[in-house]
Amino acid sequence: MAAMSYLSVIERYHEHEQLVKELLESILVGISDPVMLSDPGMRVRAMAEMANSYPFIELLYILDADGVQISDNVAIVNRVVQAIPVGRNLNRSHRPYFSKAQPLQTLNITHPYLSNASGKLCLSASYRIGDNGEQGYIVVDVNLTQLIEFMMGDSARRKATPLFKSVYCALVLGLFIMVMVLISMAAVDIASLLADGRVPSGSIKPFGIIIFITLALAVFDLGKTILEEEVLMHKDIFRHSSTRRTITRFISTILIAISIEALLTMFKASLGEMKYVQPAIWMMFAVVGLLVGLGIYVYLGAKAELLLKQGSAKP
């Protein structure tokens, strides 16, 4: 449950681009007052109101009709909204939110870009205010990741993410300890075999060692999968593909473990232990059933997600 990757954020942005535009337009319309062109106190109050309701707003400043910044940057510093004496008199007429503005267009939003200040994906939106006598632009910078989380209702879950990560880390640590126990048991048996100098005819002790190592491999792979899926990588819970990926990796681990166990059981039967023939056959059937079921699940899951994407694209 790491932070959303840039690719995920941009993909979500393009899916909901029109909604993002409507949201930013409603925010800027709500604070669009020509008095902001000359009243620093009103700019701070407007930023405070936006920050209280929309945590993804990072910065606010004012441009004149020529694209020159006529106000200080208004930002959140240590959770307090205040004017920072930076940016005044800078010529921003070359910025896309100003240079690409159309004469009859009041709102202009840039494409996603990496912020020089934070190094994160953001958007800049400008809104023209005033009349022909005194005209200017309100400009806000938006943290795109937080905006997507806000629109998807994911902000509350993000606050609980550290707790989830700590629980998953504790579980994975327990699995890795069990891996070390299994490896140590296999190592003791290997040392015992080497000390004896030879393996008695018909002995199944080597198969026990292989079982310990196989179980250690399966448990380690399970712990690794949980660590990657739930702690290190971003997992989009709103997409079925994320769940499908986790289930696929988990079932693949089980398939490998059962296949090895079935093979070992078959070897035992070939050494004269005929009672292991039927369990080996049933385990092979179980492997085939799991493999077929996994294939059907992956195919139907991918097809269902494609249909959902097509359905959401039509409106």
C-alpha atoms as a PDB file:
ATOM      1  CA  MET A   1       0.000   0.000   0.000  1.00  0.00           C
ATOM      2  CA  ALA A   2       2.677   2.424  -1.055  1.00  0.00           C
ATOM      3  CA  ALA A   3       1.807   5.826  -2.492  1.00  0.00           C
ATOM      4  CA  MET A   4       0.265   5.899  -5.946  1.00  0.00           C
ATOM      5  CA  SER A   5       2.841   5.713  -8.703  1.00  0.00           C
ATOM      6  CA  TYR A   6       3.032   8.536 -11.238  1.00  0.00           C
ATOM      7  CA  LEU A   7       1.643   6.241 -13.938  1.00  0.00           C
ATOM      8  CA  SER A   8      -1.375   5.363 -11.773  1.00  0.00           C
ATOM      9  CA  VAL A   9      -2.024   9.013 -10.948  1.00  0.00           C
ATOM     10  CA  ILE A  10      -1.832  10.134 -14.586  1.00  0.00           C
ATOM     11  CA  GLU A  11      -4.006   7.224 -15.703  1.00  0.00           C
ATOM     12  CA  ARG A  12      -6.657   8.109 -13.135  1.00  0.00           C
ATOM     13  CA  TYR A  13      -6.413  11.776 -14.130  1.00  0.00           C
ATOM     14  CA  HIS A  14      -7.153  11.014 -17.777  1.00  0.00           C
ATOM     15  CA  GLU A  15     -10.084   8.808 -16.756  1.00  0.00           C
ATOM     16  CA  HIS A  16     -11.642  11.641 -14.731  1.00  0.00           C
ATOM     17  CA  GLU A  17     -10.233  14.694 -16.520  1.00  0.00           C
ATOM     18  CA  GLN A  18     -13.619  16.314 -17.071  1.00  0.00           C
ATOM     19  CA  LEU A  19     -14.600  15.831 -13.414  1.00  0.00           C
ATOM     20  CA  VAL A  20     -11.278  17.316 -12.299  1.00  0.00           C
ATOM     21  CA  LYS A  21     -11.918  20.354 -14.481  1.00  0.00           C
ATOM     22  CA  GLU A  22     -15.430  20.807 -13.101  1.00  0.00           C
ATOM     23  CA  LEU A  23     -14.201  20.491  -9.512  1.00  0.00           C
ATOM     24  CA  LEU A  24     -11.416  23.054  -9.942  1.00  0.00           C
ATOM     25  CA  GLU A  25     -13.762  25.400 -11.757  1.00  0.00           C
ATOM     26  CA  SER A  26     -16.303  25.249  -8.922  1.00  0.00           C
ATOM     27  CA  ILE A  27     -13.541  25.963  -6.379  1.00  0.00           C
ATOM     28  CA  LEU A  28     -12.182  28.961  -8.288  1.00  0.00           C
ATOM     29  CA  VAL A  29     -15.632  30.339  -9.045  1.00  0.00           C
ATOM     30  CA  GLY A  30     -16.349  30.232  -5.319  1.00  0.00           C
ATOM     31  CA  ILE A  31     -13.405  32.518  -4.493  1.00  0.00           C
ATOM     32  CA  SER A  32     -13.405  34.656  -7.646  1.00  0.00           C
ATOM     33  CA  ASP A  33     -13.732  38.189  -6.356  1.00  0.00           C
ATOM     34  CA  PRO A  34     -12.011  41.191  -8.014  1.00  0.00           C
ATOM     35  CA  VAL A  35     -11.166  42.466  -4.504  1.00  0.00           C
ATOM     36  CA  MET A  36      -8.513  39.719  -4.335  1.00  0.00           C
ATOM     37  CA  LEU A  37      -6.464  41.660  -6.869  1.00  0.00           C
ATOM     38  CA  SER A  38      -5.673  44.283  -4.230  1.00  0.00           C
ATOM     39  CA  ASP A  39      -6.507  42.761  -0.823  1.00  0.00           C
ATOM     40  CA  PRO A  40      -3.784  40.443   0.617  1.00  0.00           C
ATOM     41  CA  GLY A  41      -5.942  39.594   3.624  1.00  0.00           C
ATOM     42  CA  MET A  42      -8.734  38.283   1.435  1.00  0.00           C
ATOM     43  CA  ARG A  43      -6.275  36.074  -0.447  1.00  0.00           C
ATOM     44  CA  VAL A  44      -5.128  34.494   2.827  1.00  0.00           C
ATOM     45  CA  ARG A  45      -8.725  33.960   3.954  1.00  0.00           C
ATOM     46  CA  ALA A  46      -9.654  32.420   0.606  1.00  0.00           C
ATOM     47  CA  MET A  47      -6.665  30.057   0.805  1.00  0.00           C
ATOM     48  CA  ALA A  48      -7.598  29.111   4.380  1.00  0.00           C
ATOM     49  CA  GLU A  49     -11.147  28.253   3.297  1.00  0.00           C
ATOM     50  CA  MET A  50      -9.902  26.138   0.403  1.00  0.00           C
ATOM     51  CA  ALA A  51      -7.295  24.355   2.532  1.00  0.00           C
ATOM     52  CA  ASN A  52      -9.951  23.493   5.098  1.00  0.00           C
ATOM     53  CA  SER A  53     -12.262  21.914   2.515  1.00  0.00           C
ATOM     54  CA  TYR A  54      -9.815  20.831  -0.178  1.00  0.00           C
ATOM     55  CA  PRO A  55      -6.510  19.519   1.233  1.00  0.00           C
ATOM     56  CA  PHE A  56      -5.008  19.129  -2.242  1.00  0.00           C
ATOM     57  CA  ILE A  57      -4.682  22.909  -2.797  1.00  0.00           C
ATOM     58  CA  GLU A  58      -1.019  23.825  -2.217  1.00  0.00           C
ATOM     59  CA  LEU A  59      -0.492  27.369  -3.434  1.00  0.00           C
ATOM     60  CA  LEU A  60      -2.376  30.511  -4.484  1.00  0.00           C
ATOM     61  CA  TYR A  61      -1.171  33.707  -6.146  1.00  0.00           C
ATOM     62  CA  ILE A  62      -2.483  36.507  -8.372  1.00  0.00           C
ATOM     63  CA  LEU A  63      -1.369  37.630 -11.836  1.00  0.00           C
ATOM     64  CA  ASP A  64      -2.163  40.877 -13.598  1.00  0.00           C
ATOM     65  CA  ALA A  65      -3.517  41.085 -17.139  1.00  0.00           C
ATOM     66  CA  ASP A  66       0.023  40.768 -18.566  1.00  0.00           C
ATOM     67  CA  GLY A  67       0.885  37.613 -16.633  1.00  0.00           C
ATOM     68  CA  VAL A  68       3.086  39.285 -14.004  1.00  0.00           C
ATOM     69  CA  GLN A  69       2.601  38.078 -10.434  1.00  0.00           C
ATOM     70  CA  ILE A  70       1.294  40.930  -8.295  1.00  0.00           C
ATOM     71  CA  SER A  71       0.972  39.064  -4.999  1.00  0.00           C
ATOM     72  CA  ASP A  72       3.078  36.994  -2.660  1.00  0.00           C
ATOM     73  CA  ASN A  73       2.642  33.232  -2.708  1.00  0.00           C
ATOM     74  CA  VAL A  74      -0.049  32.129  -0.265  1.00  0.00           C
ATOM     75  CA  ALA A  75       0.663  28.617   1.000  1.00  0.00           C
ATOM     76  CA  ILE A  76       0.335  26.307   3.985  1.00  0.00           C
ATOM     77  CA  VAL A  77       3.406  26.437   6.232  1.00  0.00           C
ATOM     78  CA  ASN A  78       3.371  24.183   9.314  1.00  0.00           C
ATOM     79  CA  ARG A  79      -0.398  23.755   8.876  1.00  0.00           C
ATOM     80  CA  VAL A  80      -0.898  27.512   8.944  1.00  0.00           C
ATOM     81  CA  VAL A  81      -1.981  29.501   5.878  1.00  0.00           C
ATOM     82  CA  GLN A  82       0.214  32.525   5.370  1.00  0.00           C
ATOM     83  CA  ALA A  83       1.620  34.806   2.704  1.00  0.00           C
ATOM     84  CA  ILE A  84       5.232  34.027   1.807  1.00  0.00           C
ATOM     85  CA  PRO A  85       7.303  36.930   0.439  1.00  0.00           C
ATOM     86  CA  VAL A  86       8.257  34.962  -2.663  1.00  0.00           C
ATOM     87  CA  GLY A  87       7.182  35.233  -6.279  1.00  0.00           C
ATOM     88  CA  ARG A  88       6.063  38.858  -6.467  1.00  0.00           C
ATOM     89  CA  ASN A  89       6.887  40.614  -9.777  1.00  0.00           C
ATOM     90  CA  LEU A  90       7.793  37.363 -11.511  1.00  0.00           C
ATOM     91  CA  ASN A  91       6.753  37.240 -15.157  1.00  0.00           C
ATOM     92  CA  ARG A  92       4.647  34.114 -15.590  1.00  0.00           C
ATOM     93  CA  SER A  93       3.187  34.977 -18.988  1.00  0.00           C
ATOM     94  CA  HIS A  94       5.054  32.041 -20.550  1.00  0.00           C
ATOM     95  CA  ARG A  95       3.355  29.502 -18.290  1.00  0.00           C
ATOM     96  CA  PRO A  96       0.758  27.266 -20.040  1.00  0.00           C
ATOM     97  CA  TYR A  97      -2.081  28.320 -17.722  1.00  0.00           C
ATOM     98  CA  PHE A  98      -1.591  31.901 -19.006  1.00  0.00           C
ATOM     99  CA  SER A  99      -0.105  31.644 -22.493  1.00  0.00           C
ATOM    100  CA  LYS A 100      -2.725  29.121 -23.673  1.00  0.00           C
ATOM    101  CA  ALA A 101      -5.704  30.986 -22.234  1.00  0.00           C
ATOM    102  CA  GLN A 102      -8.330  31.842 -24.860  1.00  0.00           C
ATOM    103  CA  PRO A 103     -10.004  35.300 -24.987  1.00  0.00           C
ATOM    104  CA  LEU A 104     -13.430  33.888 -24.113  1.00  0.00           C
ATOM    105  CA  GLN A 105     -12.108  31.261 -21.715  1.00  0.00           C
ATOM    106  CA  THR A 106     -12.171  32.082 -18.003  1.00  0.00           C
ATOM    107  CA  LEU A 107     -10.684  28.791 -16.742  1.00  0.00           C
ATOM    108  CA  ASN A 108      -7.458  27.217 -17.951  1.00  0.00           C
ATOM    109  CA  ILE A 109      -5.827  24.071 -16.514  1.00  0.00           C
ATOM    110  CA  THR A 110      -2.394  22.717 -17.343  1.00  0.00           C
ATOM    111  CA  HIS A 111      -1.504  19.129 -18.040  1.00  0.00           C
ATOM    112  CA  PRO A 112       0.084  17.205 -15.128  1.00  0.00           C
ATOM    113  CA  TYR A 113       3.706  18.170 -14.490  1.00  0.00           C
ATOM    114  CA  LEU A 114       6.363  17.741 -11.807  1.00  0.00           C
ATOM    115  CA  SER A 115       6.449  20.665  -9.395  1.00  0.00           C
ATOM    116  CA  ASN A 116       9.823  22.388  -8.955  1.00  0.00           C
ATOM    117  CA  ALA A 117       8.993  23.045  -5.301  1.00  0.00           C
ATOM    118  CA  SER A 118       7.741  19.637  -4.131  1.00  0.00           C
ATOM    119  CA  GLY A 119       8.938  17.313  -6.878  1.00  0.00           C
ATOM    120  CA  LYS A 120       5.445  15.771  -7.049  1.00  0.00           C
ATOM    121  CA  LEU A 121       2.834  15.666  -9.786  1.00  0.00           C
ATOM    122  CA  CYS A 122       0.642  18.728  -9.784  1.00  0.00           C
ATOM    123  CA  LEU A 123      -1.697  20.871 -11.840  1.00  0.00           C
ATOM    124  CA  SER A 124      -1.974  24.635 -12.137  1.00  0.00           C
ATOM    125  CA  ALA A 125      -5.364  26.219 -12.749  1.00  0.00           C
ATOM    126  CA  SER A 126      -5.990  29.880 -13.559  1.00  0.00           C
ATOM    127  CA  TYR A 127      -9.285  31.760 -13.456  1.00  0.00           C
ATOM    128  CA  ARG A 128      -9.795  35.234 -14.930  1.00  0.00           C
ATOM    129  CA  ILE A 129     -11.421  37.786 -12.638  1.00  0.00           C
ATOM    130  CA  GLY A 130     -12.222  41.469 -12.868  1.00  0.00           C
ATOM    131  CA  ASP A 131     -13.594  43.580 -15.673  1.00  0.00           C
ATOM    132  CA  ASN A 132     -12.057  45.521 -18.530  1.00  0.00           C
ATOM    133  CA  GLY A 133     -10.891  48.220 -16.155  1.00  0.00           C
ATOM    134  CA  GLU A 134      -8.917  45.955 -13.804  1.00  0.00           C
ATOM    135  CA  GLN A 135      -8.338  42.393 -14.824  1.00  0.00           C
ATOM    136  CA  GLY A 136      -6.231  39.598 -13.388  1.00  0.00           C
ATOM    137  CA  TYR A 137      -5.952  35.878 -12.788  1.00  0.00           C
ATOM    138  CA  ILE A 138      -6.270  33.700  -9.704  1.00  0.00           C
ATOM    139  CA  VAL A 139      -3.809  30.816  -9.957  1.00  0.00           C
ATOM    140  CA  VAL A 140      -3.783  27.752  -7.704  1.00  0.00           C
ATOM    141  CA  ASP A 141      -1.368  24.835  -7.660  1.00  0.00           C
ATOM    142  CA  VAL A 142      -2.902  21.437  -6.911  1.00  0.00           C
ATOM    143  CA  ASN A 143      -1.263  18.233  -5.666  1.00  0.00           C
ATOM    144  CA  LEU A 144      -2.577  15.800  -8.270  1.00  0.00           C
ATOM    145  CA  THR A 145      -2.144  12.651  -6.150  1.00  0.00           C
ATOM    146  CA  GLN A 146      -4.120  14.127  -3.264  1.00  0.00           C
ATOM    147  CA  LEU A 147      -6.734  15.414  -5.693  1.00  0.00           C
ATOM    148  CA  ILE A 148      -7.279  11.918  -7.137  1.00  0.00           C
ATOM    149  CA  GLU A 149      -7.479  10.437  -3.622  1.00  0.00           C
ATOM    150  CA  PHE A 150      -9.963  13.149  -2.625  1.00  0.00           C
ATOM    151  CA  MET A 151     -12.190  12.456  -5.628  1.00  0.00           C
ATOM    152  CA  MET A 152     -12.084   8.708  -5.046  1.00  0.00           C
ATOM    153  CA  GLY A 153     -12.822   9.035  -1.323  1.00  0.00           C
ATOM    154  CA  ASP A 154      -9.485   7.436  -0.476  1.00  0.00           C
ATOM    155  CA  SER A 155      -8.102  10.028   1.942  1.00  0.00           C
ATOM    156  CA  ALA A 156      -9.357   8.357   5.128  1.00  0.00           C
ATOM    157  CA  ARG A 157      -7.865   4.981   4.160  1.00  0.00           C
ATOM    158  CA  ARG A 158      -4.538   6.679   3.467  1.00  0.00           C
ATOM    159  CA  LYS A 159      -4.415   7.943   7.068  1.00  0.00           C
ATOM    160  CA  ALA A 160      -4.698   4.352   8.322  1.00  0.00           C
ATOM    161  CA  THR A 161      -2.072   3.054   5.884  1.00  0.00           C
ATOM    162  CA  PRO A 162       0.845   3.163   8.396  1.00  0.00           C
ATOM    163  CA  LEU A 163      -1.152   0.922  10.761  1.00  0.00           C
ATOM    164  CA  PHE A 164      -1.922  -1.537   7.971  1.00  0.00           C
ATOM    165  CA  LYS A 165       1.718  -1.593   6.898  1.00  0.00           C
ATOM    166  CA  SER A 166       2.941  -2.299  10.434  1.00  0.00           C
ATOM    167  CA  VAL A 167       0.527  -5.254  10.782  1.00  0.00           C
ATOM    168  CA  TYR A 168       1.581  -6.706   7.420  1.00  0.00           C
ATOM    169  CA  CYS A 169       5.261  -6.249   8.315  1.00  0.00           C
ATOM    170  CA  ALA A 170       4.732  -8.149  11.591  1.00  0.00           C
ATOM    171  CA  LEU A 171       2.975 -11.005   9.750  1.00  0.00           C
ATOM    172  CA  VAL A 172       5.701 -11.187   7.106  1.00  0.00           C
ATOM    173  CA  LEU A 173       8.362 -11.214   9.829  1.00  0.00           C
ATOM    174  CA  GLY A 174       6.613 -14.201  11.425  1.00  0.00           C
ATOM    175  CA  LEU A 175       6.555 -16.026   8.066  1.00  0.00           C
ATOM    176  CA  PHE A 176      10.258 -15.352   7.491  1.00  0.00           C
ATOM    177  CA  ILE A 177      11.047 -16.704  10.984  1.00  0.00           C
ATOM    178  CA  MET A 178       9.194 -19.899  10.092  1.00  0.00           C
ATOM    179  CA  VAL A 179      11.247 -20.084   6.880  1.00  0.00           C
ATOM    180  CA  MET A 180      14.442 -19.977   8.962  1.00  0.00           C
ATOM    181  CA  VAL A 181      13.052 -22.715  11.234  1.00  0.00           C
ATOM    182  CA  LEU A 182      12.261 -24.981   8.271  1.00  0.00           C
ATOM    183  CA  ILE A 183      15.671 -24.348   6.717  1.00  0.00           C
ATOM    184  CA  SER A 184      17.397 -25.106  10.015  1.00  0.00           C
ATOM    185  CA  MET A 185      15.444 -28.387  10.328  1.00  0.00           C
ATOM    186  CA  ALA A 186      16.478 -29.354   6.796  1.00  0.00           C
ATOM    187  CA  ALA A 187      20.087 -28.385   7.577  1.00  0.00           C
ATOM    188  CA  VAL A 188      20.100 -30.633  10.676  1.00  0.00           C
ATOM    189  CA  ASP A 189      18.794 -33.587   8.645  1.00  0.00           C
ATOM    190  CA  ILE A 190      21.347 -32.942   5.889  1.00  0.00           C
ATOM    191  CA  ALA A 191      24.160 -32.868   8.453  1.00  0.00           C
ATOM    192  CA  SER A 192      22.849 -36.134   9.930  1.00  0.00           C
ATOM    193  CA  LEU A 193      22.852 -37.802   6.521  1.00  0.00           C
ATOM    194  CA  LEU A 194      26.392 -36.609   5.790  1.00  0.00           C
ATOM    195  CA  ALA A 195      27.545 -37.863   9.192  1.00  0.00           C
ATOM    196  CA  ASP A 196      26.115 -41.342   8.493  1.00  0.00           C
ATOM    197  CA  GLY A 197      28.097 -41.519   5.290  1.00  0.00           C
ATOM    198  CA  ARG A 198      25.381 -43.276   3.252  1.00  0.00           C
ATOM    199  CA  VAL A 199      21.622 -43.378   2.798  1.00  0.00           C
ATOM    200  CA  PRO A 200      19.970 -46.683   3.825  1.00  0.00           C
ATOM    201  CA  SER A 201      18.099 -48.446   1.044  1.00  0.00           C
ATOM    202  CA  GLY A 202      14.419 -47.507   1.009  1.00  0.00           C
ATOM    203  CA  SER A 203      14.935 -44.590   3.386  1.00  0.00           C
ATOM    204  CA  ILE A 204      12.555 -41.685   2.921  1.00  0.00           C
ATOM    205  CA  LYS A 205      14.614 -39.261   4.996  1.00  0.00           C
ATOM    206  CA  PRO A 206      15.925 -37.371   1.915  1.00  0.00           C
ATOM    207  CA  PHE A 207      12.332 -36.790   0.860  1.00  0.00           C
ATOM    208  CA  GLY A 208      11.631 -35.293   4.288  1.00  0.00           C
ATOM    209  CA  ILE A 209      14.495 -32.847   3.718  1.00  0.00           C
ATOM    210  CA  ILE A 210      13.063 -31.880   0.326  1.00  0.00           C
ATOM    211  CA  ILE A 211       9.647 -31.365   1.933  1.00  0.00           C
ATOM    212  CA  PHE A 212      11.137 -28.985   4.509  1.00  0.00           C
ATOM    213  CA  ILE A 213      12.940 -27.027   1.789  1.00  0.00           C
ATOM    214  CA  THR A 214       9.829 -26.943  -0.408  1.00  0.00           C
ATOM    215  CA  LEU A 215       7.689 -25.676   2.458  1.00  0.00           C
ATOM    216  CA  ALA A 216      10.332 -23.044   3.233  1.00  0.00           C
ATOM    217  CA  LEU A 217      10.249 -21.955  -0.421  1.00  0.00           C
ATOM    218  CA  ALA A 218       6.439 -21.743  -0.450  1.00  0.00           C
ATOM    219  CA  VAL A 219       6.257 -19.827   2.853  1.00  0.00           C
ATOM    220  CA  PHE A 220       9.045 -17.467   1.783  1.00  0.00           C
ATOM    221  CA  ASP A 221       7.313 -16.785  -1.536  1.00  0.00           C
ATOM    222  CA  LEU A 222       4.054 -16.110   0.310  1.00  0.00           C
ATOM    223  CA  GLY A 223       5.760 -13.654   2.674  1.00  0.00           C
ATOM    224  CA  LYS A 224       7.536 -11.975  -0.242  1.00  0.00           C
ATOM    225  CA  THR A 225       4.229 -11.628  -2.112  1.00  0.00           C
ATOM    226  CA  ILE A 226       2.507 -10.043   0.903  1.00  0.00           C
ATOM    227  CA  LEU A 227       5.449  -7.684   1.471  1.00  0.00           C
ATOM    228  CA  GLU A 228       5.509  -6.543  -2.153  1.00  0.00           C
ATOM    229  CA  GLU A 229       1.760  -6.296  -2.667  1.00  0.00           C
ATOM    230  CA  GLU A 230       0.733  -4.725   0.633  1.00  0.00           C
ATOM    231  CA  VAL A 231       3.774  -2.732   1.769  1.00  0.00           C
ATOM    232  CA  LEU A 232       6.246  -1.915  -0.999  1.00  0.00           C
ATOM    233  CA  MET A 233       4.003  -1.565  -4.051  1.00  0.00           C
ATOM    234  CA  HIS A 234       0.968   0.597  -4.656  1.00  0.00           C
ATOM    235  CA  LYS A 235      -2.240  -1.403  -4.709  1.00  0.00           C
ATOM    236  CA  ASP A 236      -5.242   0.250  -6.304  1.00  0.00           C
ATOM    237  CA  ILE A 237      -8.182  -1.237  -4.421  1.00  0.00           C
ATOM    238  CA  PHE A 238     -10.581   0.323  -6.920  1.00  0.00           C
ATOM    239  CA  ARG A 239      -9.223  -1.880  -9.721  1.00  0.00           C
ATOM    240  CA  HIS A 240      -9.958  -5.573  -9.959  1.00  0.00           C
ATOM    241  CA  SER A 241      -6.598  -6.085 -11.680  1.00  0.00           C
ATOM    242  CA  SER A 242      -4.756  -5.400  -8.403  1.00  0.00           C
ATOM    243  CA  THR A 243      -6.712  -8.096  -6.562  1.00  0.00           C
ATOM    244  CA  ARG A 244      -6.349 -10.433  -9.525  1.00  0.00           C
ATOM    245  CA  ARG A 245      -2.575  -9.940  -9.502  1.00  0.00           C
ATOM    246  CA  THR A 246      -2.353 -10.773  -5.788  1.00  0.00           C
ATOM    247  CA  ILE A 247      -4.540 -13.870  -6.097  1.00  0.00           C
ATOM    248  CA  THR A 248      -2.620 -15.043  -9.175  1.00  0.00           C
ATOM    249  CA  ARG A 249       0.726 -14.794  -7.392  1.00  0.00           C
ATOM    250  CA  PHE A 250      -0.641 -16.517  -4.277  1.00  0.00           C
ATOM    251  CA  ILE A 251      -2.234 -19.402  -6.186  1.00  0.00           C
ATOM    252  CA  SER A 252       0.937 -19.779  -8.274  1.00  0.00           C
ATOM    253  CA  THR A 253       2.930 -20.284  -5.083  1.00  0.00           C
ATOM    254  CA  ILE A 254       0.484 -22.966  -3.907  1.00  0.00           C
ATOM    255  CA  LEU A 255       0.604 -24.666  -7.324  1.00  0.00           C
ATOM    256  CA  ILE A 256       4.395 -24.934  -7.211  1.00  0.00           C
ATOM    257  CA  ALA A 257       4.364 -26.322  -3.668  1.00  0.00           C
ATOM    258  CA  ILE A 258       1.655 -28.923  -4.395  1.00  0.00           C
ATOM    259  CA  SER A 259       3.338 -29.954  -7.648  1.00  0.00           C
ATOM    260  CA  ILE A 260       6.614 -30.618  -5.867  1.00  0.00           C
ATOM    261  CA  GLU A 261       4.855 -32.537  -3.100  1.00  0.00           C
ATOM    262  CA  ALA A 262       2.971 -34.633  -5.666  1.00  0.00           C
ATOM    263  CA  LEU A 263       6.239 -35.408  -7.448  1.00  0.00           C
ATOM    264  CA  LEU A 264       7.925 -36.435  -4.202  1.00  0.00           C
ATOM    265  CA  THR A 265       4.962 -38.616  -3.266  1.00  0.00           C
ATOM    266  CA  MET A 266       5.166 -40.297  -6.654  1.00  0.00           C
ATOM    267  CA  PHE A 267       8.876 -40.973  -6.070  1.00  0.00           C
ATOM    268  CA  LYS A 268       8.037 -42.559  -2.726  1.00  0.00           C
ATOM    269  CA  ALA A 269       5.537 -44.837  -4.492  1.00  0.00           C
ATOM    270  CA  SER A 270       8.176 -45.794  -7.052  1.00  0.00           C
ATOM    271  CA  LEU A 271      10.425 -46.939  -4.194  1.00  0.00           C
ATOM    272  CA  GLY A 272       7.843 -49.513  -3.166  1.00  0.00           C
ATOM    273  CA  GLU A 273       5.567 -47.451  -0.909  1.00  0.00           C
ATOM    274  CA  MET A 274       2.420 -48.233  -2.914  1.00  0.00           C
ATOM    275  CA  LYS A 275       0.184 -46.548  -0.368  1.00  0.00           C
ATOM    276  CA  TYR A 276       1.415 -43.192  -1.728  1.00  0.00           C
ATOM    277  CA  VAL A 277       0.196 -43.821  -5.305  1.00  0.00           C
ATOM    278  CA  GLN A 278      -3.381 -42.688  -4.770  1.00  0.00           C
ATOM    279  CA  PRO A 279      -2.481 -39.528  -2.760  1.00  0.00           C
ATOM    280  CA  ALA A 280       0.007 -38.579  -5.501  1.00  0.00           C
ATOM    281  CA  ILE A 281      -2.657 -38.970  -8.180  1.00  0.00           C
ATOM    282  CA  TRP A 282      -5.155 -36.902  -6.209  1.00  0.00           C
ATOM    283  CA  MET A 283      -2.557 -34.171  -5.678  1.00  0.00           C
ATOM    284  CA  MET A 284      -1.872 -34.096  -9.417  1.00  0.00           C
ATOM    285  CA  PHE A 285      -5.601 -33.718 -10.056  1.00  0.00           C
ATOM    286  CA  ALA A 286      -5.655 -30.899  -7.499  1.00  0.00           C
ATOM    287  CA  VAL A 287      -2.810 -29.137  -9.354  1.00  0.00           C
ATOM    288  CA  VAL A 288      -4.630 -29.441 -12.673  1.00  0.00           C
ATOM    289  CA  GLY A 289      -7.884 -28.204 -11.114  1.00  0.00           C
ATOM    290  CA  LEU A 290      -6.169 -25.203  -9.536  1.00  0.00           C
ATOM    291  CA  LEU A 291      -4.397 -24.378 -12.789  1.00  0.00           C
ATOM    292  CA  VAL A 292      -7.583 -24.559 -14.842  1.00  0.00           C
ATOM    293  CA  GLY A 293      -9.516 -22.561 -12.248  1.00  0.00           C
ATOM    294  CA  LEU A 294      -6.790 -19.906 -12.129  1.00  0.00           C
ATOM    295  CA  GLY A 295      -6.804 -19.622 -15.924  1.00  0.00           C
ATOM    296  CA  ILE A 296     -10.583 -19.168 -15.993  1.00  0.00           C
ATOM    297  CA  TYR A 297     -10.421 -16.611 -13.168  1.00  0.00           C
ATOM    298  CA  VAL A 298      -7.697 -14.540 -14.870  1.00  0.00           C
ATOM    299  CA  TYR A 299      -9.498 -14.637 -18.231  1.00  0.00           C
ATOM    300  CA  LEU A 300     -12.921 -13.693 -16.856  1.00  0.00           C
ATOM    301  CA  GLY A 301     -11.426 -11.068 -14.538  1.00  0.00           C
ATOM    302  CA  ALA A 302      -9.571  -9.356 -17.385  1.00  0.00           C
ATOM    303  CA  LYS A 303     -12.676  -9.466 -19.569  1.00  0.00           C
ATOM    304  CA  ALA A 304     -14.861  -8.027 -16.788  1.00  0.00           C
ATOM    305  CA  GLU A 305     -12.426  -5.171 -16.182  1.00  0.00           C
ATOM    306  CA  LEU A 306     -12.351  -4.382 -19.907  1.00  0.00           C
ATOM    307  CA  LEU A 307     -16.149  -4.197 -19.952  1.00  0.00           C
ATOM    308  CA  LEU A 308     -16.125  -1.932 -16.905  1.00  0.00           C
ATOM    309  CA  LYS A 309     -13.611   0.396 -18.580  1.00  0.00           C
ATOM    310  CA  GLN A 310     -15.715   0.525 -21.736  1.00  0.00           C
ATOM    311  CA  GLY A 311     -18.835   1.209 -19.670  1.00  0.00           C
ATOM    312  CA  SER A 312     -17.200   4.056 -17.769  1.00  0.00           C
ATOM    313  CA  ALA A 313     -15.816   5.549 -20.981  1.00  0.00           C
ATOM    314  CA  LYS A 314     -19.219   5.747 -22.704  1.00  0.00           C
ATOM    315  CA  PRO A 315     -20.742   8.439 -20.413  1.00  0.00           C
END
